[in-house]
Amino acid sequence: MKITPLADRILVRPIDEPEKKKGGIIIPDTAKEKPQEGEVLAVGKGRISEAGERIVPEVKKGDKVLFGKYSGTEINVDDEKYLILRESDILAIV
């Protein structure tokens, strides 16, 4: 797989939390909350400021990050799910 994000976009692989069962009830996949933690796989070169200078993203490949619940765009490549986020969608580096 060769995906290169552009500008301030970041390619993230969501990290699924282990399934938790309470009282023997199994929650279907459609009712589960989306993961909000992921691993950065690729980072764009950064956005261009109004002054024409490149602003390099603070995250780097390999970082674990927290992001908004419904942020980014989901893509499927080779039966794996990925997210493409803007740097502003990332809340924190873990």
C-alpha atoms as a PDB file:
ATOM      1  CA  MET A   1       0.000   0.000   0.000  1.00  0.00           C
ATOM      2  CA  LYS A   2       1.366   3.384  -0.982  1.00  0.00           C
ATOM      3  CA  ILE A   3      -0.755   6.326   0.158  1.00  0.00           C
ATOM      4  CA  THR A   4       0.827   9.750   0.540  1.00  0.00           C
ATOM      5  CA  PRO A   5      -1.323  12.370   2.290  1.00  0.00           C
ATOM      6  CA  LEU A   6      -1.231  15.886   0.877  1.00  0.00           C
ATOM      7  CA  ALA A   7      -0.788  19.204   2.702  1.00  0.00           C
ATOM      8  CA  ASP A   8      -1.715  18.927   6.418  1.00  0.00           C
ATOM      9  CA  ARG A   9      -3.522  15.587   6.079  1.00  0.00           C
ATOM     10  CA  ILE A  10      -2.520  12.518   8.065  1.00  0.00           C
ATOM     11  CA  LEU A  11      -3.146   8.801   7.403  1.00  0.00           C
ATOM     12  CA  VAL A  12      -4.181   6.968  10.589  1.00  0.00           C
ATOM     13  CA  ARG A  13      -4.952   3.312  11.325  1.00  0.00           C
ATOM     14  CA  PRO A  14      -7.689   3.242  14.008  1.00  0.00           C
ATOM     15  CA  ILE A  15      -6.879   1.072  17.019  1.00  0.00           C
ATOM     16  CA  ASP A  16      -9.871  -1.023  18.043  1.00  0.00           C
ATOM     17  CA  GLU A  17     -10.355  -1.503  21.746  1.00  0.00           C
ATOM     18  CA  PRO A  18     -10.791  -5.093  22.924  1.00  0.00           C
ATOM     19  CA  GLU A  19     -14.428  -6.176  23.081  1.00  0.00           C
ATOM     20  CA  LYS A  20     -15.923  -5.863  26.559  1.00  0.00           C
ATOM     21  CA  LYS A  21     -18.919  -7.892  27.597  1.00  0.00           C
ATOM     22  CA  LYS A  22     -21.058  -7.107  30.611  1.00  0.00           C
ATOM     23  CA  GLY A  23     -23.513  -9.682  31.838  1.00  0.00           C
ATOM     24  CA  GLY A  24     -23.046 -11.868  28.762  1.00  0.00           C
ATOM     25  CA  ILE A  25     -24.578  -9.273  26.392  1.00  0.00           C
ATOM     26  CA  ILE A  26     -22.834  -9.039  23.031  1.00  0.00           C
ATOM     27  CA  ILE A  27     -23.026  -5.618  21.398  1.00  0.00           C
ATOM     28  CA  PRO A  28     -23.332  -5.698  17.585  1.00  0.00           C
ATOM     29  CA  ASP A  29     -20.691  -3.882  15.511  1.00  0.00           C
ATOM     30  CA  THR A  30     -23.197  -1.249  14.364  1.00  0.00           C
ATOM     31  CA  ALA A  31     -23.898  -0.189  17.959  1.00  0.00           C
ATOM     32  CA  LYS A  32     -20.266   0.022  19.063  1.00  0.00           C
ATOM     33  CA  GLU A  33     -18.596   3.389  19.402  1.00  0.00           C
ATOM     34  CA  LYS A  34     -15.996   4.310  16.808  1.00  0.00           C
ATOM     35  CA  PRO A  35     -12.377   4.131  17.948  1.00  0.00           C
ATOM     36  CA  GLN A  36     -10.889   7.470  18.891  1.00  0.00           C
ATOM     37  CA  GLU A  37      -7.278   6.370  19.053  1.00  0.00           C
ATOM     38  CA  GLY A  38      -5.017   5.477  16.177  1.00  0.00           C
ATOM     39  CA  GLU A  39      -1.488   5.062  14.887  1.00  0.00           C
ATOM     40  CA  VAL A  40      -0.063   7.553  12.393  1.00  0.00           C
ATOM     41  CA  LEU A  41       1.091   5.756   9.233  1.00  0.00           C
ATOM     42  CA  ALA A  42       1.939   8.739   6.993  1.00  0.00           C
ATOM     43  CA  VAL A  43       2.051  12.533   7.279  1.00  0.00           C
ATOM     44  CA  GLY A  44       1.741  15.192   4.576  1.00  0.00           C
ATOM     45  CA  LYS A  45       4.377  17.888   4.111  1.00  0.00           C
ATOM     46  CA  GLY A  46       2.272  20.556   5.830  1.00  0.00           C
ATOM     47  CA  ARG A  47       0.043  23.427   4.839  1.00  0.00           C
ATOM     48  CA  ILE A  48       1.127  26.728   3.342  1.00  0.00           C
ATOM     49  CA  SER A  49       0.508  29.850   5.444  1.00  0.00           C
ATOM     50  CA  GLU A  50      -0.802  33.123   4.035  1.00  0.00           C
ATOM     51  CA  ALA A  51       2.778  34.402   4.059  1.00  0.00           C
ATOM     52  CA  GLY A  52       3.801  31.530   1.778  1.00  0.00           C
ATOM     53  CA  GLU A  53       5.719  29.563   4.415  1.00  0.00           C
ATOM     54  CA  ARG A  54       5.212  25.828   4.947  1.00  0.00           C
ATOM     55  CA  ILE A  55       3.893  24.888   8.408  1.00  0.00           C
ATOM     56  CA  VAL A  56       5.170  21.394   9.221  1.00  0.00           C
ATOM     57  CA  PRO A  57       2.735  19.090  11.144  1.00  0.00           C
ATOM     58  CA  GLU A  58       3.562  18.350  14.784  1.00  0.00           C
ATOM     59  CA  VAL A  59       2.768  14.624  14.509  1.00  0.00           C
ATOM     60  CA  LYS A  60       5.102  12.113  12.893  1.00  0.00           C
ATOM     61  CA  LYS A  61       4.893   8.559  11.607  1.00  0.00           C
ATOM     62  CA  GLY A  62       4.513   6.059  14.457  1.00  0.00           C
ATOM     63  CA  ASP A  63       2.788   8.443  16.910  1.00  0.00           C
ATOM     64  CA  LYS A  64      -0.364   7.276  18.690  1.00  0.00           C
ATOM     65  CA  VAL A  65      -2.989   9.992  18.536  1.00  0.00           C
ATOM     66  CA  LEU A  66      -6.462  10.803  19.818  1.00  0.00           C
ATOM     67  CA  PHE A  67      -8.961  12.255  17.357  1.00  0.00           C
ATOM     68  CA  GLY A  68     -12.588  13.384  17.277  1.00  0.00           C
ATOM     69  CA  LYS A  69     -15.238  10.673  17.129  1.00  0.00           C
ATOM     70  CA  TYR A  70     -16.632  11.495  13.683  1.00  0.00           C
ATOM     71  CA  SER A  71     -13.689  13.360  12.173  1.00  0.00           C
ATOM     72  CA  GLY A  72     -11.828  12.487   9.006  1.00  0.00           C
ATOM     73  CA  THR A  73     -12.667  10.386   5.972  1.00  0.00           C
ATOM     74  CA  GLU A  74     -12.760   6.588   6.153  1.00  0.00           C
ATOM     75  CA  ILE A  75     -11.095   4.654   3.354  1.00  0.00           C
ATOM     76  CA  ASN A  76     -10.708   0.915   2.748  1.00  0.00           C
ATOM     77  CA  VAL A  77      -7.516  -0.429   1.180  1.00  0.00           C
ATOM     78  CA  ASP A  78      -6.870  -4.182   0.933  1.00  0.00           C
ATOM     79  CA  ASP A  79      -9.758  -4.897   3.361  1.00  0.00           C
ATOM     80  CA  GLU A  80      -8.256  -2.642   6.055  1.00  0.00           C
ATOM     81  CA  LYS A  81      -9.869   0.535   7.361  1.00  0.00           C
ATOM     82  CA  TYR A  82      -7.919   3.781   7.533  1.00  0.00           C
ATOM     83  CA  LEU A  83      -8.735   7.412   8.270  1.00  0.00           C
ATOM     84  CA  ILE A  84      -7.442  10.506   6.538  1.00  0.00           C
ATOM     85  CA  LEU A  85      -7.547  13.417   8.982  1.00  0.00           C
ATOM     86  CA  ARG A  86      -6.480  17.032   8.932  1.00  0.00           C
ATOM     87  CA  GLU A  87      -3.949  17.947  11.584  1.00  0.00           C
ATOM     88  CA  SER A  88      -6.599  20.135  13.249  1.00  0.00           C
ATOM     89  CA  ASP A  89      -8.785  17.015  13.784  1.00  0.00           C
ATOM     90  CA  ILE A  90      -6.121  15.465  16.037  1.00  0.00           C
ATOM     91  CA  LEU A  91      -6.690  16.291  19.685  1.00  0.00           C
ATOM     92  CA  ALA A  92      -3.550  14.872  21.340  1.00  0.00           C
ATOM     93  CA  ILE A  93      -0.495  12.659  20.973  1.00  0.00           C
ATOM     94  CA  VAL A  94      -0.536   9.758  23.438  1.00  0.00           C
END
